[in-house]
Amino acid sequence: MRPLVPVAVLAAILASLVQALLSPPLHTGDETAHLDYAYQVWTGHLPVFEDGLVLAPEAGSVPPVQWAAQHPPLYYLVLAPVVGPSWRAGTSSRRSTPHGA
């Protein structure tokens, strides 16, 4: 029975990797909301549920509200130094600054 555990773990890792490589960027239900949250933290704001997303990628899923605003900001503080400069360096958006700032 024990040899099956490493095989099962390896199979799960491989399946996850295949799924990640086959899914187009920003096409899962929550990626844009989390990306937007990290970007807003980078710009010095916390997201507001009713205001929707500040980042609106040309492709992908864009929810009508910023549903990730309910999450505490620590995780997004860690991501912000990567997401903020990366977004500004290589991706266009319809709204570039949060809350009209």
N, C-alpha and C. Protein backbone atom coordinates (compact mmCIF):
# COMPACT_ATOMS: atom_id res chain seq x y z
N MET A 1 0.81 -1.21 0.00
CA MET A 1 0.00 0.00 0.00
C MET A 1 0.85 1.27 0.00
N ARG A 2 1.95 1.30 0.72
CA ARG A 2 2.77 2.51 0.83
C ARG A 2 3.32 3.02 -0.50
N PRO A 3 3.72 2.17 -1.44
CA PRO A 3 4.22 2.69 -2.71
C PRO A 3 3.17 3.47 -3.51
N LEU A 4 1.90 3.27 -3.19
CA LEU A 4 0.85 3.98 -3.91
C LEU A 4 0.78 5.46 -3.52
N VAL A 5 1.20 5.82 -2.32
CA VAL A 5 1.12 7.20 -1.87
C VAL A 5 2.01 8.11 -2.73
N PRO A 6 3.28 7.80 -2.92
CA PRO A 6 4.10 8.66 -3.79
C PRO A 6 3.58 8.72 -5.23
N VAL A 7 3.06 7.62 -5.71
CA VAL A 7 2.52 7.60 -7.07
C VAL A 7 1.29 8.51 -7.15
N ALA A 8 0.44 8.47 -6.15
CA ALA A 8 -0.75 9.31 -6.13
C ALA A 8 -0.36 10.79 -6.02
N VAL A 9 0.62 11.10 -5.20
CA VAL A 9 1.09 12.48 -5.06
C VAL A 9 1.67 12.97 -6.38
N LEU A 10 2.49 12.16 -7.02
CA LEU A 10 3.08 12.53 -8.30
C LEU A 10 2.00 12.73 -9.36
N ALA A 11 1.00 11.87 -9.38
CA ALA A 11 -0.10 12.00 -10.34
C ALA A 11 -0.87 13.29 -10.11
N ALA A 12 -1.11 13.64 -8.85
CA ALA A 12 -1.82 14.88 -8.54
C ALA A 12 -1.01 16.10 -8.96
N ILE A 13 0.29 16.07 -8.73
CA ILE A 13 1.16 17.19 -9.13
C ILE A 13 1.17 17.33 -10.65
N LEU A 14 1.30 16.23 -11.35
CA LEU A 14 1.31 16.27 -12.81
C LEU A 14 -0.02 16.76 -13.37
N ALA A 15 -1.12 16.30 -12.80
CA ALA A 15 -2.44 16.76 -13.25
C ALA A 15 -2.60 18.26 -13.02
N SER A 16 -2.12 18.76 -11.89
CA SER A 16 -2.20 20.19 -11.60
C SER A 16 -1.35 20.99 -12.57
N LEU A 17 -0.17 20.49 -12.88
CA LEU A 17 0.71 21.17 -13.82
C LEU A 17 0.10 21.22 -15.21
N VAL A 18 -0.47 20.12 -15.66
CA VAL A 18 -1.12 20.09 -16.97
C VAL A 18 -2.28 21.08 -17.00
N GLN A 19 -3.09 21.11 -15.97
CA GLN A 19 -4.21 22.05 -15.91
C GLN A 19 -3.72 23.49 -15.95
N ALA A 20 -2.67 23.80 -15.21
CA ALA A 20 -2.13 25.16 -15.20
C ALA A 20 -1.59 25.56 -16.57
N LEU A 21 -0.95 24.63 -17.26
CA LEU A 21 -0.39 24.94 -18.57
C LEU A 21 -1.44 25.04 -19.67
N LEU A 22 -2.56 24.34 -19.52
CA LEU A 22 -3.60 24.35 -20.54
C LEU A 22 -4.62 25.46 -20.36
N SER A 23 -4.72 26.02 -19.16
CA SER A 23 -5.69 27.09 -18.91
C SER A 23 -5.12 28.42 -19.38
N PRO A 24 -5.87 29.17 -20.19
CA PRO A 24 -5.38 30.48 -20.61
C PRO A 24 -5.27 31.41 -19.39
N PRO A 25 -4.31 32.32 -19.40
CA PRO A 25 -4.17 33.25 -18.27
C PRO A 25 -5.44 34.07 -18.06
N LEU A 26 -5.80 34.26 -16.80
CA LEU A 26 -6.94 35.08 -16.37
C LEU A 26 -8.29 34.56 -16.81
N HIS A 27 -8.40 33.28 -17.11
CA HIS A 27 -9.68 32.74 -17.54
C HIS A 27 -10.39 31.91 -16.47
N THR A 28 -9.78 31.74 -15.32
CA THR A 28 -10.50 31.06 -14.25
C THR A 28 -11.30 32.12 -13.48
N GLY A 29 -12.24 31.69 -12.70
CA GLY A 29 -13.18 32.61 -12.07
C GLY A 29 -12.61 33.62 -11.11
N ASP A 30 -11.47 33.34 -10.50
CA ASP A 30 -11.01 34.25 -9.45
C ASP A 30 -9.67 34.93 -9.71
N GLU A 31 -8.99 34.59 -10.78
CA GLU A 31 -7.65 35.15 -11.01
C GLU A 31 -7.65 36.67 -11.11
N THR A 32 -8.57 37.23 -11.87
CA THR A 32 -8.55 38.68 -12.05
C THR A 32 -8.84 39.43 -10.77
N ALA A 33 -9.73 38.91 -9.93
CA ALA A 33 -10.04 39.58 -8.66
C ALA A 33 -8.82 39.59 -7.74
N HIS A 34 -8.10 38.49 -7.67
CA HIS A 34 -6.91 38.45 -6.81
C HIS A 34 -5.79 39.33 -7.38
N LEU A 35 -5.61 39.30 -8.68
CA LEU A 35 -4.62 40.16 -9.33
C LEU A 35 -4.94 41.63 -9.08
N ASP A 36 -6.21 41.98 -9.22
CA ASP A 36 -6.65 43.36 -8.99
C ASP A 36 -6.42 43.79 -7.55
N TYR A 37 -6.70 42.92 -6.60
CA TYR A 37 -6.49 43.23 -5.18
C TYR A 37 -5.02 43.56 -4.94
N ALA A 38 -4.12 42.70 -5.43
CA ALA A 38 -2.68 42.94 -5.24
C ALA A 38 -2.25 44.24 -5.91
N TYR A 39 -2.80 44.52 -7.08
CA TYR A 39 -2.45 45.77 -7.78
C TYR A 39 -2.94 46.99 -6.98
N GLN A 40 -4.14 46.92 -6.46
CA GLN A 40 -4.66 48.04 -5.68
C GLN A 40 -3.83 48.28 -4.42
N VAL A 41 -3.40 47.21 -3.77
CA VAL A 41 -2.52 47.36 -2.61
C VAL A 41 -1.21 48.02 -3.05
N TRP A 42 -0.69 47.64 -4.21
CA TRP A 42 0.55 48.24 -4.73
C TRP A 42 0.38 49.76 -4.93
N THR A 43 -0.81 50.18 -5.34
CA THR A 43 -1.05 51.60 -5.59
C THR A 43 -1.48 52.35 -4.33
N GLY A 44 -1.52 51.65 -3.19
CA GLY A 44 -1.82 52.31 -1.93
C GLY A 44 -3.28 52.33 -1.53
N HIS A 45 -4.09 51.49 -2.15
CA HIS A 45 -5.52 51.43 -1.84
C HIS A 45 -5.92 50.01 -1.45
N LEU A 46 -6.99 49.92 -0.70
CA LEU A 46 -7.64 48.63 -0.47
C LEU A 46 -8.86 48.57 -1.37
N PRO A 47 -9.15 47.43 -1.95
CA PRO A 47 -10.30 47.35 -2.84
C PRO A 47 -11.62 47.50 -2.09
N VAL A 48 -12.61 48.02 -2.80
CA VAL A 48 -13.96 48.18 -2.28
C VAL A 48 -14.87 47.27 -3.10
N PHE A 49 -15.65 46.47 -2.41
CA PHE A 49 -16.49 45.46 -3.05
C PHE A 49 -17.32 46.05 -4.19
N GLU A 50 -18.03 47.13 -3.91
CA GLU A 50 -18.97 47.71 -4.87
C GLU A 50 -18.29 48.40 -6.05
N ASP A 51 -17.03 48.77 -5.91
CA ASP A 51 -16.35 49.52 -6.98
C ASP A 51 -15.91 48.63 -8.14
N GLY A 52 -15.96 47.34 -7.98
CA GLY A 52 -15.52 46.46 -9.04
C GLY A 52 -14.01 46.42 -9.16
N LEU A 53 -13.54 45.95 -10.29
CA LEU A 53 -12.10 45.81 -10.50
C LEU A 53 -11.51 47.08 -11.09
N VAL A 54 -10.32 47.41 -10.66
CA VAL A 54 -9.57 48.51 -11.24
C VAL A 54 -8.90 48.02 -12.51
N LEU A 55 -8.33 46.84 -12.46
CA LEU A 55 -7.71 46.24 -13.64
C LEU A 55 -8.78 45.52 -14.44
N ALA A 56 -8.83 45.80 -15.71
CA ALA A 56 -9.78 45.13 -16.57
C ALA A 56 -9.02 44.59 -17.78
N PRO A 57 -8.47 43.39 -17.67
CA PRO A 57 -7.70 42.84 -18.78
C PRO A 57 -8.57 42.67 -20.02
N GLU A 58 -7.93 42.78 -21.17
CA GLU A 58 -8.66 42.66 -22.43
C GLU A 58 -9.21 41.25 -22.64
N ALA A 59 -8.58 40.26 -22.06
CA ALA A 59 -9.06 38.89 -22.16
C ALA A 59 -9.23 38.35 -20.75
N GLY A 60 -10.12 37.42 -20.61
CA GLY A 60 -10.29 36.78 -19.31
C GLY A 60 -11.61 37.12 -18.66
N SER A 61 -11.78 36.62 -17.47
CA SER A 61 -13.00 36.78 -16.70
C SER A 61 -12.90 38.06 -15.86
N VAL A 62 -13.90 38.93 -15.96
CA VAL A 62 -13.93 40.16 -15.17
C VAL A 62 -15.25 40.20 -14.41
N PRO A 63 -15.22 39.92 -13.10
CA PRO A 63 -16.46 39.95 -12.32
C PRO A 63 -16.97 41.38 -12.15
N PRO A 64 -18.28 41.57 -11.94
CA PRO A 64 -18.84 42.91 -11.82
C PRO A 64 -18.51 43.61 -10.49
N VAL A 65 -18.11 42.85 -9.49
CA VAL A 65 -17.75 43.42 -8.19
C VAL A 65 -16.38 42.88 -7.78
N GLN A 66 -15.74 43.55 -6.85
CA GLN A 66 -14.44 43.10 -6.35
C GLN A 66 -14.71 42.18 -5.16
N TRP A 67 -15.12 40.97 -5.46
CA TRP A 67 -15.52 40.04 -4.40
C TRP A 67 -14.35 39.65 -3.50
N ALA A 68 -13.12 39.76 -3.95
CA ALA A 68 -11.97 39.40 -3.11
C ALA A 68 -11.68 40.45 -2.04
N ALA A 69 -12.39 41.57 -2.07
CA ALA A 69 -12.18 42.64 -1.09
C ALA A 69 -12.42 42.16 0.33
N GLN A 70 -13.12 41.08 0.49
CA GLN A 70 -13.41 40.54 1.83
C GLN A 70 -12.19 39.89 2.49
N HIS A 71 -11.16 39.58 1.70
CA HIS A 71 -9.98 38.90 2.23
C HIS A 71 -9.07 39.88 2.96
N PRO A 72 -8.39 39.44 4.02
CA PRO A 72 -7.42 40.31 4.68
C PRO A 72 -6.24 40.61 3.76
N PRO A 73 -5.59 41.76 3.92
CA PRO A 73 -4.61 42.20 2.93
C PRO A 73 -3.19 41.62 3.04
N LEU A 74 -2.85 40.85 4.05
CA LEU A 74 -1.47 40.42 4.22
C LEU A 74 -0.92 39.66 3.01
N TYR A 75 -1.66 38.71 2.50
CA TYR A 75 -1.23 37.95 1.33
C TYR A 75 -0.97 38.88 0.14
N TYR A 76 -1.85 39.86 -0.03
CA TYR A 76 -1.73 40.78 -1.15
C TYR A 76 -0.59 41.77 -0.95
N LEU A 77 -0.25 42.07 0.29
CA LEU A 77 0.93 42.90 0.57
C LEU A 77 2.20 42.18 0.12
N VAL A 78 2.22 40.87 0.27
CA VAL A 78 3.38 40.08 -0.17
C VAL A 78 3.44 40.04 -1.70
N LEU A 79 2.29 39.93 -2.35
CA LEU A 79 2.24 39.84 -3.81
C LEU A 79 2.44 41.19 -4.50
N ALA A 80 2.06 42.27 -3.85
CA ALA A 80 2.02 43.58 -4.49
C ALA A 80 3.34 44.00 -5.14
N PRO A 81 4.50 43.80 -4.52
CA PRO A 81 5.75 44.21 -5.18
C PRO A 81 6.07 43.45 -6.47
N VAL A 82 5.42 42.33 -6.68
CA VAL A 82 5.60 41.58 -7.92
C VAL A 82 4.53 41.97 -8.94
N VAL A 83 3.28 42.02 -8.48
CA VAL A 83 2.15 42.28 -9.38
C VAL A 83 2.17 43.70 -9.90
N GLY A 84 2.37 44.69 -9.04
CA GLY A 84 2.31 46.09 -9.45
C GLY A 84 3.26 46.41 -10.59
N PRO A 85 4.56 46.23 -10.40
CA PRO A 85 5.49 46.54 -11.49
C PRO A 85 5.30 45.66 -12.72
N SER A 86 4.93 44.40 -12.52
CA SER A 86 4.73 43.51 -13.66
C SER A 86 3.56 43.98 -14.51
N TRP A 87 2.47 44.37 -13.86
CA TRP A 87 1.29 44.83 -14.60
C TRP A 87 1.60 46.11 -15.36
N ARG A 88 2.24 47.04 -14.68
CA ARG A 88 2.56 48.32 -15.33
C ARG A 88 3.56 48.16 -16.46
N ALA A 89 4.44 47.19 -16.37
CA ALA A 89 5.49 47.01 -17.38
C ALA A 89 4.99 46.34 -18.65
N GLY A 90 3.97 45.48 -18.53
CA GLY A 90 3.67 44.71 -19.71
C GLY A 90 2.22 44.47 -20.07
N THR A 91 1.28 45.07 -19.39
CA THR A 91 -0.11 44.76 -19.66
C THR A 91 -0.93 46.02 -19.71
N SER A 92 -1.86 46.09 -20.63
CA SER A 92 -2.74 47.25 -20.70
C SER A 92 -3.99 47.00 -19.86
N SER A 93 -4.64 48.06 -19.46
CA SER A 93 -5.89 47.95 -18.72
C SER A 93 -6.80 49.09 -19.12
N ARG A 94 -8.09 48.90 -18.90
CA ARG A 94 -9.04 49.96 -19.23
C ARG A 94 -9.02 51.07 -18.19
N ARG A 95 -8.91 50.71 -16.94
CA ARG A 95 -8.77 51.67 -15.86
C ARG A 95 -7.40 51.44 -15.24
N SER A 96 -6.58 52.45 -15.19
CA SER A 96 -5.21 52.22 -14.73
C SER A 96 -4.96 52.62 -13.29
N THR A 97 -5.82 53.42 -12.71
CA THR A 97 -5.60 53.85 -11.32
C THR A 97 -6.85 53.59 -10.51
N PRO A 98 -6.70 53.16 -9.27
CA PRO A 98 -7.86 52.86 -8.46
C PRO A 98 -8.62 54.11 -8.04
N HIS A 99 -9.92 53.99 -8.02
CA HIS A 99 -10.81 55.01 -7.45
C HIS A 99 -10.63 56.37 -8.10
N GLY A 100 -10.27 56.38 -9.36
CA GLY A 100 -10.14 57.63 -10.09
C GLY A 100 -8.96 58.48 -9.68
N ALA A 101 -8.03 57.91 -8.91
CA ALA A 101 -6.88 58.70 -8.44
C ALA A 101 -5.89 58.95 -9.54
